[in-house]
Every structure is written in structure tokens, then in C-alpha cells.
């Protein structure tokens, strides 16, 4: 947000989003959406 890089940042894996409690999760997801940050997943079997 601070550097105006919306749409130019991607987070790969983001395991933490499969672990944290709902309110914390939803706040982070809202932040990702607002900042235009994409998320990549491999659908891992052994990780969140």
C-alpha cells in the first residue's frame, strides 16, 4: 500500500491463511484484496 504497488505483488503458498482464526483470517484477506495482492496455492497435501 505504502509504495503504491497494488497489482504487482504475489504471495506464494500463504500457509498461514489455512491456520488462523476466522476474524484474523478475514481481516488479512480484506487487506490482500484492498492491496491487490494475489495468492498462489499448490493445493498441498501435507501443509495448511
ModelCIF file with pLDDT and N, C-alpha, C, O atoms, coordinates in Angstrom:
data_MODEL
#
_entry.id   MODEL 
#
_entity.id                         1 
_entity.type                       polymer 
_entity.pdbx_number_of_molecules   1 
#
_entity_poly.entity_id                      1 
_entity_poly.type                           'polypeptide(L)' 
_entity_poly.nstd_linkage                   no 
_entity_poly.nstd_monomer                   no 
_entity_poly.pdbx_seq_one_letter_code       
;(UNK)(UNK)(UNK)(UNK)(UNK)(UNK)(UNK)(UNK)(UNK)(UNK)(UNK)(UNK)(UNK)(UNK)(UNK)(UNK)
(UNK)(UNK)(UNK)(UNK)(UNK)(UNK)(UNK)(UNK)(UNK)(UNK)(UNK)(UNK)(UNK)(UNK)(UNK)(UNK)
(UNK)(UNK)(UNK)(UNK)(UNK)(UNK)(UNK)(UNK)(UNK)(UNK)(UNK)(UNK)(UNK)(UNK)(UNK)(UNK)
;
_entity_poly.pdbx_seq_one_letter_code_can   XXXXXXXXXXXXXXXXXXXXXXXXXXXXXXXXXXXXXXXXXXXXXXXX 
_entity_poly.pdbx_strand_id                 A 
#
loop_
_entity_poly_seq.entity_id 
_entity_poly_seq.num 
_entity_poly_seq.mon_id 
_entity_poly_seq.hetero 
1 1  UNK n 
1 2  UNK n 
1 3  UNK n 
1 4  UNK n 
1 5  UNK n 
1 6  UNK n 
1 7  UNK n 
1 8  UNK n 
1 9  UNK n 
1 10 UNK n 
1 11 UNK n 
1 12 UNK n 
1 13 UNK n 
1 14 UNK n 
1 15 UNK n 
1 16 UNK n 
1 17 UNK n 
1 18 UNK n 
1 19 UNK n 
1 20 UNK n 
1 21 UNK n 
1 22 UNK n 
1 23 UNK n 
1 24 UNK n 
1 25 UNK n 
1 26 UNK n 
1 27 UNK n 
1 28 UNK n 
1 29 UNK n 
1 30 UNK n 
1 31 UNK n 
1 32 UNK n 
1 33 UNK n 
1 34 UNK n 
1 35 UNK n 
1 36 UNK n 
1 37 UNK n 
1 38 UNK n 
1 39 UNK n 
1 40 UNK n 
1 41 UNK n 
1 42 UNK n 
1 43 UNK n 
1 44 UNK n 
1 45 UNK n 
1 46 UNK n 
1 47 UNK n 
1 48 UNK n 
#
_struct_asym.id          A 
_struct_asym.entity_id   1 
#
loop_
_ma_qa_metric.id 
_ma_qa_metric.mode 
_ma_qa_metric.name 
_ma_qa_metric.software_group_id 
_ma_qa_metric.type 
1 global pLDDT . pLDDT 
2 local  pLDDT . pLDDT 
#
_ma_qa_metric_global.metric_id      1 
_ma_qa_metric_global.metric_value   96.69 
_ma_qa_metric_global.model_id       1 
_ma_qa_metric_global.ordinal_id     1 
#
loop_
_ma_qa_metric_local.label_asym_id 
_ma_qa_metric_local.label_comp_id 
_ma_qa_metric_local.label_seq_id 
_ma_qa_metric_local.metric_id 
_ma_qa_metric_local.metric_value 
_ma_qa_metric_local.model_id 
_ma_qa_metric_local.ordinal_id 
A UNK 1  2 97.00 1 1  
A UNK 2  2 96.00 1 2  
A UNK 3  2 96.00 1 3  
A UNK 4  2 96.00 1 4  
A UNK 5  2 97.00 1 5  
A UNK 6  2 97.00 1 6  
A UNK 7  2 97.00 1 7  
A UNK 8  2 98.00 1 8  
A UNK 9  2 98.00 1 9  
A UNK 10 2 98.00 1 10 
A UNK 11 2 98.00 1 11 
A UNK 12 2 98.00 1 12 
A UNK 13 2 98.00 1 13 
A UNK 14 2 98.00 1 14 
A UNK 15 2 97.00 1 15 
A UNK 16 2 98.00 1 16 
A UNK 17 2 98.00 1 17 
A UNK 18 2 97.00 1 18 
A UNK 19 2 97.00 1 19 
A UNK 20 2 97.00 1 20 
A UNK 21 2 96.00 1 21 
A UNK 22 2 96.00 1 22 
A UNK 23 2 96.00 1 23 
A UNK 24 2 97.00 1 24 
A UNK 25 2 97.00 1 25 
A UNK 26 2 97.00 1 26 
A UNK 27 2 97.00 1 27 
A UNK 28 2 98.00 1 28 
A UNK 29 2 98.00 1 29 
A UNK 30 2 98.00 1 30 
A UNK 31 2 98.00 1 31 
A UNK 32 2 98.00 1 32 
A UNK 33 2 98.00 1 33 
A UNK 34 2 98.00 1 34 
A UNK 35 2 98.00 1 35 
A UNK 36 2 98.00 1 36 
A UNK 37 2 98.00 1 37 
A UNK 38 2 98.00 1 38 
A UNK 39 2 98.00 1 39 
A UNK 40 2 98.00 1 40 
A UNK 41 2 98.00 1 41 
A UNK 42 2 97.00 1 42 
A UNK 43 2 96.00 1 43 
A UNK 44 2 93.00 1 44 
A UNK 45 2 89.00 1 45 
A UNK 46 2 87.00 1 46 
A UNK 47 2 91.00 1 47 
A UNK 48 2 94.00 1 48 
#
loop_
_atom_site.group_PDB 
_atom_site.id 
_atom_site.type_symbol 
_atom_site.label_atom_id 
_atom_site.label_alt_id 
_atom_site.label_comp_id 
_atom_site.label_asym_id 
_atom_site.label_entity_id 
_atom_site.label_seq_id 
_atom_site.pdbx_PDB_ins_code 
_atom_site.Cartn_x 
_atom_site.Cartn_y 
_atom_site.Cartn_z 
_atom_site.occupancy 
_atom_site.B_iso_or_equiv 
_atom_site.pdbx_formal_charge 
_atom_site.auth_seq_id 
_atom_site.auth_comp_id 
_atom_site.auth_asym_id 
_atom_site.auth_atom_id 
_atom_site.pdbx_PDB_model_num 
ATOM 1   N N  . UNK A 1 1  ? 0.834   -1.209  0.000   1.00 97.00 ? 1  UNK A N  1 
ATOM 2   C CA . UNK A 1 1  ? 0.000   0.000   0.000   1.00 97.00 ? 1  UNK A CA 1 
ATOM 3   C C  . UNK A 1 1  ? 0.866   1.256   0.000   1.00 97.00 ? 1  UNK A C  1 
ATOM 4   O O  . UNK A 1 1  ? 0.646   2.180   -0.783  1.00 97.00 ? 1  UNK A O  1 
ATOM 5   N N  . UNK A 1 2  ? 1.849   1.271   0.888   1.00 96.00 ? 2  UNK A N  1 
ATOM 6   C CA . UNK A 1 2  ? 2.661   2.478   1.065   1.00 96.00 ? 2  UNK A CA 1 
ATOM 7   C C  . UNK A 1 2  ? 3.406   2.858   -0.207  1.00 96.00 ? 2  UNK A C  1 
ATOM 8   O O  . UNK A 1 2  ? 3.588   4.041   -0.495  1.00 96.00 ? 2  UNK A O  1 
ATOM 9   N N  . UNK A 1 3  ? 3.839   1.848   -0.974  1.00 96.00 ? 3  UNK A N  1 
ATOM 10  C CA . UNK A 1 3  ? 4.632   2.118   -2.170  1.00 96.00 ? 3  UNK A CA 1 
ATOM 11  C C  . UNK A 1 3  ? 3.798   2.145   -3.445  1.00 96.00 ? 3  UNK A C  1 
ATOM 12  O O  . UNK A 1 3  ? 4.334   2.299   -4.543  1.00 96.00 ? 3  UNK A O  1 
ATOM 13  N N  . UNK A 1 4  ? 2.486   1.993   -3.297  1.00 96.00 ? 4  UNK A N  1 
ATOM 14  C CA . UNK A 1 4  ? 1.609   2.040   -4.470  1.00 96.00 ? 4  UNK A CA 1 
ATOM 15  C C  . UNK A 1 4  ? 1.851   0.908   -5.448  1.00 96.00 ? 4  UNK A C  1 
ATOM 16  O O  . UNK A 1 4  ? 1.778   1.109   -6.660  1.00 96.00 ? 4  UNK A O  1 
ATOM 17  N N  . UNK A 1 5  ? 2.140   -0.294  -4.932  1.00 97.00 ? 5  UNK A N  1 
ATOM 18  C CA . UNK A 1 5  ? 2.434   -1.435  -5.790  1.00 97.00 ? 5  UNK A CA 1 
ATOM 19  C C  . UNK A 1 5  ? 1.243   -2.374  -5.943  1.00 97.00 ? 5  UNK A C  1 
ATOM 20  O O  . UNK A 1 5  ? 1.415   -3.567  -6.193  1.00 97.00 ? 5  UNK A O  1 
ATOM 21  N N  . UNK A 1 6  ? 0.046   -1.840  -5.795  1.00 97.00 ? 6  UNK A N  1 
ATOM 22  C CA . UNK A 1 6  ? -1.147  -2.665  -5.965  1.00 97.00 ? 6  UNK A CA 1 
ATOM 23  C C  . UNK A 1 6  ? -1.123  -3.344  -7.332  1.00 97.00 ? 6  UNK A C  1 
ATOM 24  O O  . UNK A 1 6  ? -0.828  -2.716  -8.349  1.00 97.00 ? 6  UNK A O  1 
ATOM 25  N N  . UNK A 1 7  ? -1.441  -4.646  -7.334  1.00 97.00 ? 7  UNK A N  1 
ATOM 26  C CA . UNK A 1 7  ? -1.456  -5.419  -8.572  1.00 97.00 ? 7  UNK A CA 1 
ATOM 27  C C  . UNK A 1 7  ? -0.102  -5.905  -9.025  1.00 97.00 ? 7  UNK A C  1 
ATOM 28  O O  . UNK A 1 7  ? 0.000   -6.523  -10.085 1.00 97.00 ? 7  UNK A O  1 
ATOM 29  N N  . UNK A 1 8  ? 0.951   -5.647  -8.255  1.00 98.00 ? 8  UNK A N  1 
ATOM 30  C CA . UNK A 1 8  ? 2.310   -6.043  -8.644  1.00 98.00 ? 8  UNK A CA 1 
ATOM 31  C C  . UNK A 1 8  ? 2.992   -6.933  -7.609  1.00 98.00 ? 8  UNK A C  1 
ATOM 32  O O  . UNK A 1 8  ? 4.203   -7.147  -7.668  1.00 98.00 ? 8  UNK A O  1 
ATOM 33  N N  . UNK A 1 9  ? 2.214   -7.447  -6.668  1.00 98.00 ? 9  UNK A N  1 
ATOM 34  C CA . UNK A 1 9  ? 2.776   -8.316  -5.622  1.00 98.00 ? 9  UNK A CA 1 
ATOM 35  C C  . UNK A 1 9  ? 1.965   -9.604  -5.557  1.00 98.00 ? 9  UNK A C  1 
ATOM 36  O O  . UNK A 1 9  ? 0.735   -9.583  -5.599  1.00 98.00 ? 9  UNK A O  1 
ATOM 37  N N  . UNK A 1 10 ? 2.670   -10.718 -5.454  1.00 98.00 ? 10 UNK A N  1 
ATOM 38  C CA . UNK A 1 10 ? 2.036   -12.032 -5.311  1.00 98.00 ? 10 UNK A CA 1 
ATOM 39  C C  . UNK A 1 10 ? 2.671   -12.744 -4.124  1.00 98.00 ? 10 UNK A C  1 
ATOM 40  O O  . UNK A 1 10 ? 3.890   -12.715 -3.953  1.00 98.00 ? 10 UNK A O  1 
ATOM 41  N N  . UNK A 1 11 ? 1.849   -13.377 -3.314  1.00 98.00 ? 11 UNK A N  1 
ATOM 42  C CA . UNK A 1 11 ? 2.341   -14.207 -2.207  1.00 98.00 ? 11 UNK A CA 1 
ATOM 43  C C  . UNK A 1 11 ? 2.119   -15.661 -2.572  1.00 98.00 ? 11 UNK A C  1 
ATOM 44  O O  . UNK A 1 11 ? 0.993   -16.076 -2.844  1.00 98.00 ? 11 UNK A O  1 
ATOM 45  N N  . UNK A 1 12 ? 3.195   -16.433 -2.578  1.00 98.00 ? 12 UNK A N  1 
ATOM 46  C CA . UNK A 1 12 ? 3.111   -17.849 -2.909  1.00 98.00 ? 12 UNK A CA 1 
ATOM 47  C C  . UNK A 1 12 ? 2.976   -18.691 -1.643  1.00 98.00 ? 12 UNK A C  1 
ATOM 48  O O  . UNK A 1 12 ? 3.680   -18.475 -0.656  1.00 98.00 ? 12 UNK A O  1 
ATOM 49  N N  . UNK A 1 13 ? 2.070   -19.640 -1.693  1.00 98.00 ? 13 UNK A N  1 
ATOM 50  C CA . UNK A 1 13 ? 1.778   -20.628 -0.636  1.00 98.00 ? 13 UNK A CA 1 
ATOM 51  C C  . UNK A 1 13 ? 0.843   -20.076 0.434   1.00 98.00 ? 13 UNK A C  1 
ATOM 52  O O  . UNK A 1 13 ? -0.272  -20.576 0.582   1.00 98.00 ? 13 UNK A O  1 
ATOM 53  N N  . UNK A 1 14 ? 1.263   -19.064 1.182   1.00 98.00 ? 14 UNK A N  1 
ATOM 54  C CA . UNK A 1 14 ? 0.382   -18.427 2.172   1.00 98.00 ? 14 UNK A CA 1 
ATOM 55  C C  . UNK A 1 14 ? -0.268  -19.452 3.097   1.00 98.00 ? 14 UNK A C  1 
ATOM 56  O O  . UNK A 1 14 ? -1.479  -19.420 3.318   1.00 98.00 ? 14 UNK A O  1 
ATOM 57  N N  . UNK A 1 15 ? 0.548   -20.366 3.638   1.00 97.00 ? 15 UNK A N  1 
ATOM 58  C CA . UNK A 1 15 ? 0.028   -21.422 4.513   1.00 97.00 ? 15 UNK A CA 1 
ATOM 59  C C  . UNK A 1 15 ? -0.745  -20.859 5.704   1.00 97.00 ? 15 UNK A C  1 
ATOM 60  O O  . UNK A 1 15 ? -1.712  -21.463 6.169   1.00 97.00 ? 15 UNK A O  1 
ATOM 61  N N  . UNK A 1 16 ? -0.312  -19.705 6.188   1.00 98.00 ? 16 UNK A N  1 
ATOM 62  C CA . UNK A 1 16 ? -0.926  -19.162 7.403   1.00 98.00 ? 16 UNK A CA 1 
ATOM 63  C C  . UNK A 1 16 ? -2.422  -18.934 7.233   1.00 98.00 ? 16 UNK A C  1 
ATOM 64  O O  . UNK A 1 16 ? -3.165  -18.973 8.215   1.00 98.00 ? 16 UNK A O  1 
ATOM 65  N N  . UNK A 1 17 ? -2.873  -18.699 6.018   1.00 98.00 ? 17 UNK A N  1 
ATOM 66  C CA . UNK A 1 17 ? -4.298  -18.440 5.807   1.00 98.00 ? 17 UNK A CA 1 
ATOM 67  C C  . UNK A 1 17 ? -5.150  -19.683 6.043   1.00 98.00 ? 17 UNK A C  1 
ATOM 68  O O  . UNK A 1 17 ? -6.368  -19.586 6.192   1.00 98.00 ? 17 UNK A O  1 
ATOM 69  N N  . UNK A 1 18 ? -4.517  -20.834 6.075   1.00 97.00 ? 18 UNK A N  1 
ATOM 70  C CA . UNK A 1 18 ? -5.247  -22.057 6.365   1.00 97.00 ? 18 UNK A CA 1 
ATOM 71  C C  . UNK A 1 18 ? -5.209  -22.437 7.826   1.00 97.00 ? 18 UNK A C  1 
ATOM 72  O O  . UNK A 1 18 ? -5.615  -23.541 8.190   1.00 97.00 ? 18 UNK A O  1 
ATOM 73  N N  . UNK A 1 19 ? -4.716  -21.521 8.689   1.00 97.00 ? 19 UNK A N  1 
ATOM 74  C CA . UNK A 1 19 ? -4.496  -21.886 10.088  1.00 97.00 ? 19 UNK A CA 1 
ATOM 75  C C  . UNK A 1 19 ? -5.126  -20.925 11.097  1.00 97.00 ? 19 UNK A C  1 
ATOM 76  O O  . UNK A 1 19 ? -5.530  -21.344 12.182  1.00 97.00 ? 19 UNK A O  1 
ATOM 77  N N  . UNK A 1 20 ? -5.210  -19.660 10.750  1.00 97.00 ? 20 UNK A N  1 
ATOM 78  C CA . UNK A 1 20 ? -5.560  -18.658 11.756  1.00 97.00 ? 20 UNK A CA 1 
ATOM 79  C C  . UNK A 1 20 ? -7.074  -18.584 11.964  1.00 97.00 ? 20 UNK A C  1 
ATOM 80  O O  . UNK A 1 20 ? -7.855  -19.038 11.128  1.00 97.00 ? 20 UNK A O  1 
ATOM 81  N N  . UNK A 1 21 ? -7.467  -18.005 13.092  1.00 96.00 ? 21 UNK A N  1 
ATOM 82  C CA . UNK A 1 21 ? -8.894  -17.974 13.452  1.00 96.00 ? 21 UNK A CA 1 
ATOM 83  C C  . UNK A 1 21 ? -9.659  -17.053 12.494  1.00 96.00 ? 21 UNK A C  1 
ATOM 84  O O  . UNK A 1 21 ? -9.061  -16.165 11.887  1.00 96.00 ? 21 UNK A O  1 
ATOM 85  N N  . UNK A 1 22 ? -10.984 -17.256 12.353  1.00 96.00 ? 22 UNK A N  1 
ATOM 86  C CA . UNK A 1 22 ? -11.757 -16.627 11.285  1.00 96.00 ? 22 UNK A CA 1 
ATOM 87  C C  . UNK A 1 22 ? -11.661 -15.110 11.213  1.00 96.00 ? 22 UNK A C  1 
ATOM 88  O O  . UNK A 1 22 ? -11.486 -14.558 10.126  1.00 96.00 ? 22 UNK A O  1 
ATOM 89  N N  . UNK A 1 23 ? -11.771 -14.426 12.343  1.00 96.00 ? 23 UNK A N  1 
ATOM 90  C CA . UNK A 1 23 ? -11.751 -12.962 12.288  1.00 96.00 ? 23 UNK A CA 1 
ATOM 91  C C  . UNK A 1 23 ? -10.402 -12.454 11.788  1.00 96.00 ? 23 UNK A C  1 
ATOM 92  O O  . UNK A 1 23 ? -10.341 -11.518 10.991  1.00 96.00 ? 23 UNK A O  1 
ATOM 93  N N  . UNK A 1 24 ? -9.329  -13.071 12.257  1.00 97.00 ? 24 UNK A N  1 
ATOM 94  C CA . UNK A 1 24 ? -7.985  -12.699 11.818  1.00 97.00 ? 24 UNK A CA 1 
ATOM 95  C C  . UNK A 1 24 ? -7.816  -13.002 10.322  1.00 97.00 ? 24 UNK A C  1 
ATOM 96  O O  . UNK A 1 24 ? -7.261  -12.203 9.568   1.00 97.00 ? 24 UNK A O  1 
ATOM 97  N N  . UNK A 1 25 ? -8.299  -14.148 9.926   1.00 97.00 ? 25 UNK A N  1 
ATOM 98  C CA . UNK A 1 25 ? -8.239  -14.544 8.522   1.00 97.00 ? 25 UNK A CA 1 
ATOM 99  C C  . UNK A 1 25 ? -8.950  -13.535 7.634   1.00 97.00 ? 25 UNK A C  1 
ATOM 100 O O  . UNK A 1 25 ? -8.396  -13.080 6.633   1.00 97.00 ? 25 UNK A O  1 
ATOM 101 N N  . UNK A 1 26 ? -10.171 -13.189 8.000   1.00 97.00 ? 26 UNK A N  1 
ATOM 102 C CA . UNK A 1 26 ? -10.972 -12.313 7.154   1.00 97.00 ? 26 UNK A CA 1 
ATOM 103 C C  . UNK A 1 26 ? -10.371 -10.914 7.053   1.00 97.00 ? 26 UNK A C  1 
ATOM 104 O O  . UNK A 1 26 ? -10.459 -10.269 6.009   1.00 97.00 ? 26 UNK A O  1 
ATOM 105 N N  . UNK A 1 27 ? -9.758  -10.449 8.146   1.00 97.00 ? 27 UNK A N  1 
ATOM 106 C CA . UNK A 1 27 ? -9.110  -9.133  8.107   1.00 97.00 ? 27 UNK A CA 1 
ATOM 107 C C  . UNK A 1 27 ? -7.909  -9.158  7.156   1.00 97.00 ? 27 UNK A C  1 
ATOM 108 O O  . UNK A 1 27 ? -7.699  -8.212  6.397   1.00 97.00 ? 27 UNK A O  1 
ATOM 109 N N  . UNK A 1 28 ? -7.132  -10.224 7.198   1.00 98.00 ? 28 UNK A N  1 
ATOM 110 C CA . UNK A 1 28 ? -5.982  -10.324 6.292   1.00 98.00 ? 28 UNK A CA 1 
ATOM 111 C C  . UNK A 1 28 ? -6.432  -10.429 4.844   1.00 98.00 ? 28 UNK A C  1 
ATOM 112 O O  . UNK A 1 28 ? -5.853  -9.796  3.962   1.00 98.00 ? 28 UNK A O  1 
ATOM 113 N N  . UNK A 1 29 ? -7.462  -11.224 4.601   1.00 98.00 ? 29 UNK A N  1 
ATOM 114 C CA . UNK A 1 29 ? -7.956  -11.380 3.237   1.00 98.00 ? 29 UNK A CA 1 
ATOM 115 C C  . UNK A 1 29 ? -8.480  -10.051 2.695   1.00 98.00 ? 29 UNK A C  1 
ATOM 116 O O  . UNK A 1 29 ? -8.256  -9.719  1.530   1.00 98.00 ? 29 UNK A O  1 
ATOM 117 N N  . UNK A 1 30 ? -9.173  -9.297  3.537   1.00 98.00 ? 30 UNK A N  1 
ATOM 118 C CA . UNK A 1 30 ? -9.633  -7.972  3.119   1.00 98.00 ? 30 UNK A CA 1 
ATOM 119 C C  . UNK A 1 30 ? -8.444  -7.072  2.788   1.00 98.00 ? 30 UNK A C  1 
ATOM 120 O O  . UNK A 1 30 ? -8.498  -6.292  1.837   1.00 98.00 ? 30 UNK A O  1 
ATOM 121 N N  . UNK A 1 31 ? -7.375  -7.181  3.572   1.00 98.00 ? 31 UNK A N  1 
ATOM 122 C CA . UNK A 1 31 ? -6.173  -6.403  3.298   1.00 98.00 ? 31 UNK A CA 1 
ATOM 123 C C  . UNK A 1 31 ? -5.518  -6.796  1.988   1.00 98.00 ? 31 UNK A C  1 
ATOM 124 O O  . UNK A 1 31 ? -5.065  -5.936  1.233   1.00 98.00 ? 31 UNK A O  1 
ATOM 125 N N  . UNK A 1 32 ? -5.466  -8.100  1.713   1.00 98.00 ? 32 UNK A N  1 
ATOM 126 C CA . UNK A 1 32 ? -4.907  -8.569  0.442   1.00 98.00 ? 32 UNK A CA 1 
ATOM 127 C C  . UNK A 1 32 ? -5.713  -8.025  -0.736  1.00 98.00 ? 32 UNK A C  1 
ATOM 128 O O  . UNK A 1 32 ? -5.149  -7.557  -1.725  1.00 98.00 ? 32 UNK A O  1 
ATOM 129 N N  . UNK A 1 33 ? -7.039  -8.094  -0.615  1.00 98.00 ? 33 UNK A N  1 
ATOM 130 C CA . UNK A 1 33 ? -7.900  -7.611  -1.697  1.00 98.00 ? 33 UNK A CA 1 
ATOM 131 C C  . UNK A 1 33 ? -7.705  -6.119  -1.927  1.00 98.00 ? 33 UNK A C  1 
ATOM 132 O O  . UNK A 1 33 ? -7.593  -5.675  -3.069  1.00 98.00 ? 33 UNK A O  1 
ATOM 133 N N  . UNK A 1 34 ? -7.663  -5.346  -0.850  1.00 98.00 ? 34 UNK A N  1 
ATOM 134 C CA . UNK A 1 34 ? -7.513  -3.892  -0.970  1.00 98.00 ? 34 UNK A CA 1 
ATOM 135 C C  . UNK A 1 34 ? -6.165  -3.523  -1.582  1.00 98.00 ? 34 UNK A C  1 
ATOM 136 O O  . UNK A 1 34 ? -6.060  -2.566  -2.350  1.00 98.00 ? 34 UNK A O  1 
ATOM 137 N N  . UNK A 1 35 ? -5.123  -4.304  -1.228  1.00 98.00 ? 35 UNK A N  1 
ATOM 138 C CA . UNK A 1 35 ? -3.782  -4.010  -1.725  1.00 98.00 ? 35 UNK A CA 1 
ATOM 139 C C  . UNK A 1 35 ? -3.517  -4.636  -3.096  1.00 98.00 ? 35 UNK A C  1 
ATOM 140 O O  . UNK A 1 35 ? -2.445  -4.442  -3.669  1.00 98.00 ? 35 UNK A O  1 
ATOM 141 N N  . UNK A 1 36 ? -4.486  -5.385  -3.620  1.00 98.00 ? 36 UNK A N  1 
ATOM 142 C CA . UNK A 1 36 ? -4.307  -6.006  -4.925  1.00 98.00 ? 36 UNK A CA 1 
ATOM 143 C C  . UNK A 1 36 ? -3.220  -7.054  -4.952  1.00 98.00 ? 36 UNK A C  1 
ATOM 144 O O  . UNK A 1 36 ? -2.539  -7.219  -5.964  1.00 98.00 ? 36 UNK A O  1 
ATOM 145 N N  . UNK A 1 37 ? -3.048  -7.770  -3.842  1.00 98.00 ? 37 UNK A N  1 
ATOM 146 C CA . UNK A 1 37 ? -2.023  -8.810  -3.743  1.00 98.00 ? 37 UNK A CA 1 
ATOM 147 C C  . UNK A 1 37 ? -2.635  -10.156 -4.111  1.00 98.00 ? 37 UNK A C  1 
ATOM 148 O O  . UNK A 1 37 ? -3.637  -10.565 -3.526  1.00 98.00 ? 37 UNK A O  1 
ATOM 149 N N  . UNK A 1 38 ? -2.032  -10.846 -5.083  1.00 98.00 ? 38 UNK A N  1 
ATOM 150 C CA . UNK A 1 38 ? -2.501  -12.164 -5.499  1.00 98.00 ? 38 UNK A CA 1 
ATOM 151 C C  . UNK A 1 38 ? -1.916  -13.245 -4.600  1.00 98.00 ? 38 UNK A C  1 
ATOM 152 O O  . UNK A 1 38 ? -0.915  -13.024 -3.919  1.00 98.00 ? 38 UNK A O  1 
ATOM 153 N N  . UNK A 1 39 ? -2.546  -14.413 -4.604  1.00 98.00 ? 39 UNK A N  1 
ATOM 154 C CA . UNK A 1 39 ? -2.098  -15.555 -3.795  1.00 98.00 ? 39 UNK A CA 1 
ATOM 155 C C  . UNK A 1 39 ? -2.008  -16.791 -4.680  1.00 98.00 ? 39 UNK A C  1 
ATOM 156 O O  . UNK A 1 39 ? -2.949  -17.104 -5.409  1.00 98.00 ? 39 UNK A O  1 
ATOM 157 N N  . UNK A 1 40 ? -0.872  -17.500 -4.617  1.00 98.00 ? 40 UNK A N  1 
ATOM 158 C CA . UNK A 1 40 ? -0.691  -18.744 -5.335  1.00 98.00 ? 40 UNK A CA 1 
ATOM 159 C C  . UNK A 1 40 ? -0.778  -19.915 -4.354  1.00 98.00 ? 40 UNK A C  1 
ATOM 160 O O  . UNK A 1 40 ? -0.224  -19.863 -3.256  1.00 98.00 ? 40 UNK A O  1 
ATOM 161 N N  . UNK A 1 41 ? -1.478  -20.967 -4.768  1.00 98.00 ? 41 UNK A N  1 
ATOM 162 C CA . UNK A 1 41 ? -1.511  -22.196 -3.979  1.00 98.00 ? 41 UNK A CA 1 
ATOM 163 C C  . UNK A 1 41 ? -1.176  -23.389 -4.859  1.00 98.00 ? 41 UNK A C  1 
ATOM 164 O O  . UNK A 1 41 ? -1.504  -23.419 -6.045  1.00 98.00 ? 41 UNK A O  1 
ATOM 165 N N  . UNK A 1 42 ? -0.515  -24.375 -4.253  1.00 97.00 ? 42 UNK A N  1 
ATOM 166 C CA . UNK A 1 42 ? -0.277  -25.648 -4.928  1.00 97.00 ? 42 UNK A CA 1 
ATOM 167 C C  . UNK A 1 42 ? -1.247  -26.714 -4.437  1.00 97.00 ? 42 UNK A C  1 
ATOM 168 O O  . UNK A 1 42 ? -1.151  -27.873 -4.840  1.00 97.00 ? 42 UNK A O  1 
ATOM 169 N N  . UNK A 1 43 ? -2.179  -26.331 -3.568  1.00 96.00 ? 43 UNK A N  1 
ATOM 170 C CA . UNK A 1 43 ? -3.095  -27.314 -3.007  1.00 96.00 ? 43 UNK A CA 1 
ATOM 171 C C  . UNK A 1 43 ? -2.354  -28.403 -2.259  1.00 96.00 ? 43 UNK A C  1 
ATOM 172 O O  . UNK A 1 43 ? -2.629  -29.582 -2.482  1.00 96.00 ? 43 UNK A O  1 
ATOM 173 N N  . UNK A 1 44 ? -1.415  -28.054 -1.369  1.00 93.00 ? 44 UNK A N  1 
ATOM 174 C CA . UNK A 1 44 ? -0.520  -29.053 -0.770  1.00 93.00 ? 44 UNK A CA 1 
ATOM 175 C C  . UNK A 1 44 ? -1.258  -30.048 0.107   1.00 93.00 ? 44 UNK A C  1 
ATOM 176 O O  . UNK A 1 44 ? -2.190  -29.685 0.825   1.00 93.00 ? 44 UNK A O  1 
ATOM 177 N N  . UNK A 1 45 ? -0.835  -31.306 0.044   1.00 89.00 ? 45 UNK A N  1 
ATOM 178 C CA . UNK A 1 45 ? -1.479  -32.355 0.840   1.00 89.00 ? 45 UNK A CA 1 
ATOM 179 C C  . UNK A 1 45 ? -1.002  -32.349 2.285   1.00 89.00 ? 45 UNK A C  1 
ATOM 180 O O  . UNK A 1 45 ? -1.773  -32.671 3.189   1.00 89.00 ? 45 UNK A O  1 
ATOM 181 N N  . UNK A 1 46 ? 0.248   -31.991 2.515   1.00 87.00 ? 46 UNK A N  1 
ATOM 182 C CA . UNK A 1 46 ? 0.815   -32.128 3.857   1.00 87.00 ? 46 UNK A CA 1 
ATOM 183 C C  . UNK A 1 46 ? 0.960   -30.833 4.623   1.00 87.00 ? 46 UNK A C  1 
ATOM 184 O O  . UNK A 1 46 ? 1.565   -30.818 5.695   1.00 87.00 ? 46 UNK A O  1 
ATOM 185 N N  . UNK A 1 47 ? 0.418   -29.741 4.100   1.00 91.00 ? 47 UNK A N  1 
ATOM 186 C CA . UNK A 1 47 ? 0.565   -28.439 4.742   1.00 91.00 ? 47 UNK A CA 1 
ATOM 187 C C  . UNK A 1 47 ? -0.787  -27.724 4.743   1.00 91.00 ? 47 UNK A C  1 
ATOM 188 O O  . UNK A 1 47 ? -1.677  -28.083 3.971   1.00 91.00 ? 47 UNK A O  1 
ATOM 189 N N  . UNK A 1 48 ? -0.946  -26.720 5.598   1.00 94.00 ? 48 UNK A N  1 
ATOM 190 C CA . UNK A 1 48 ? -2.169  -25.904 5.535   1.00 94.00 ? 48 UNK A CA 1 
ATOM 191 C C  . UNK A 1 48 ? -2.241  -25.193 4.187   1.00 94.00 ? 48 UNK A C  1 
ATOM 192 O O  . UNK A 1 48 ? -3.192  -24.455 3.929   1.00 94.00 ? 48 UNK A O  1 
#
